[in-house]
Amino acid sequence: MIGTGYPLLDVFVNTLYLVLLVFWIMLAFHVLQDIFRSHDLGGLTKALWVLFILILPLVGCLIYLVARGGSMHERQWQVTQAHQQAFEDYIRKVANTKE
């Protein structure tokens, strides 16, 4: 351990490890969410990506980000736009029924 003689440094290092772990878990969930959201991937390809991420989590996430990370924001944008459109359609439908 880095700061075994300094208790305050131990707290800092442990907090840093915890934050890195939380960030990594968030990254893994975002990658898995993107895999299942992708319409351009087939079922077998999705299964292989998920299996790769479950077997080698850190390496799998990093390779996925290098291979397909550039279009992750586009898929997120499409989902956000679809949700926004559905919400606006619902509001219009409810507003029309009360007249």
Protein backbone atom coordinates (compact mmCIF):
# COMPACT_ATOMS: atom_id res chain seq x y z
CA MET A 1 0.00 0.00 0.00
CA ILE A 2 1.18 3.51 -0.72
CA GLY A 3 0.58 5.36 2.52
CA THR A 4 0.67 2.69 5.21
CA GLY A 5 2.38 5.00 7.71
CA TYR A 6 -0.11 7.85 7.19
CA PRO A 7 -3.75 7.13 8.09
CA LEU A 8 -5.08 10.20 6.27
CA LEU A 9 -3.29 9.16 3.09
CA ASP A 10 -4.81 5.67 3.46
CA VAL A 11 -8.27 7.24 3.54
CA PHE A 12 -7.47 9.30 0.46
CA VAL A 13 -6.10 6.31 -1.48
CA ASN A 14 -9.06 4.12 -0.50
CA THR A 15 -11.48 6.86 -1.54
CA LEU A 16 -9.68 7.17 -4.87
CA TYR A 17 -9.95 3.40 -5.40
CA LEU A 18 -13.66 3.53 -4.59
CA VAL A 19 -14.26 6.37 -7.05
CA LEU A 20 -12.35 4.52 -9.78
CA LEU A 21 -14.41 1.39 -9.09
CA VAL A 22 -17.67 3.34 -9.34
CA PHE A 23 -16.53 4.97 -12.61
CA TRP A 24 -15.57 1.59 -14.03
CA ILE A 25 -18.95 0.06 -13.08
CA MET A 26 -20.73 3.01 -14.70
CA LEU A 27 -18.65 2.52 -17.85
CA ALA A 28 -19.49 -1.19 -17.95
CA PHE A 29 -23.21 -0.46 -17.63
CA HIS A 30 -23.06 2.18 -20.37
CA VAL A 31 -21.24 -0.21 -22.68
CA LEU A 32 -23.72 -3.03 -22.00
CA GLN A 33 -26.62 -0.62 -22.53
CA ASP A 34 -25.12 0.47 -25.84
CA ILE A 35 -24.65 -3.13 -26.95
CA PHE A 36 -28.32 -3.92 -26.42
CA ARG A 37 -29.40 -0.60 -27.94
CA SER A 38 -27.48 -1.14 -31.19
CA HIS A 39 -29.74 -2.15 -34.05
CA ASP A 40 -26.83 -2.70 -36.41
CA LEU A 41 -25.50 -5.63 -34.35
CA GLY A 42 -26.99 -9.07 -34.73
CA GLY A 43 -27.94 -11.34 -31.85
CA LEU A 44 -24.81 -13.47 -32.05
CA THR A 45 -22.55 -10.40 -32.19
CA LYS A 46 -24.30 -8.90 -29.16
CA ALA A 47 -23.91 -12.18 -27.28
CA LEU A 48 -20.20 -12.33 -28.12
CA TRP A 49 -19.64 -8.73 -26.97
CA VAL A 50 -21.49 -9.37 -23.70
CA LEU A 51 -19.57 -12.61 -23.14
CA PHE A 52 -16.29 -10.83 -23.85
CA ILE A 53 -17.16 -8.08 -21.36
CA LEU A 54 -18.20 -10.60 -18.70
CA ILE A 55 -15.03 -12.69 -19.12
CA LEU A 56 -12.53 -9.81 -19.44
CA PRO A 57 -14.40 -6.78 -18.09
CA LEU A 58 -11.80 -4.02 -18.28
CA VAL A 59 -10.19 -5.16 -21.52
CA GLY A 60 -13.59 -5.87 -23.07
CA CYS A 61 -14.93 -2.40 -22.23
CA LEU A 62 -11.82 -0.70 -23.55
CA ILE A 63 -11.83 -2.68 -26.79
CA TYR A 64 -15.54 -1.94 -27.26
CA LEU A 65 -14.90 1.77 -26.75
CA VAL A 66 -12.12 1.74 -29.30
CA ALA A 67 -14.10 -0.31 -31.82
CA ARG A 68 -17.57 1.21 -31.47
CA GLY A 69 -17.27 4.09 -29.02
CA GLY A 70 -17.43 6.78 -31.68
CA SER A 71 -21.07 6.06 -32.46
CA MET A 72 -22.27 5.56 -28.86
CA HIS A 73 -23.40 9.17 -28.61
CA GLU A 74 -25.38 8.85 -31.85
CA ARG A 75 -27.35 5.89 -30.52
CA GLN A 76 -27.95 7.73 -27.24
CA TRP A 77 -29.15 10.78 -29.21
CA GLN A 78 -31.58 8.64 -31.23
CA VAL A 79 -33.08 7.11 -28.09
CA THR A 80 -33.40 10.54 -26.46
CA GLN A 81 -35.12 11.92 -29.54
CA ALA A 82 -37.52 8.96 -29.67
CA HIS A 83 -38.42 9.45 -25.99
CA GLN A 84 -38.92 13.17 -26.51
CA GLN A 85 -41.17 12.55 -29.52
CA ALA A 86 -43.22 9.98 -27.61
CA PHE A 87 -43.60 12.41 -24.69
CA GLU A 88 -44.71 15.23 -27.00
CA ASP A 89 -47.19 12.93 -28.76
CA TYR A 90 -48.62 11.89 -25.40
CA ILE A 91 -48.98 15.52 -24.30
CA ARG A 92 -50.76 16.39 -27.56
CA LYS A 93 -53.08 13.39 -27.16
CA VAL A 94 -53.96 14.29 -23.58
CA ALA A 95 -54.43 17.97 -24.44
CA ASN A 96 -56.79 17.10 -27.31
CA THR A 97 -58.99 14.83 -25.20
CA LYS A 98 -59.72 17.52 -22.60
CA GLU A 99 -61.14 20.01 -25.08
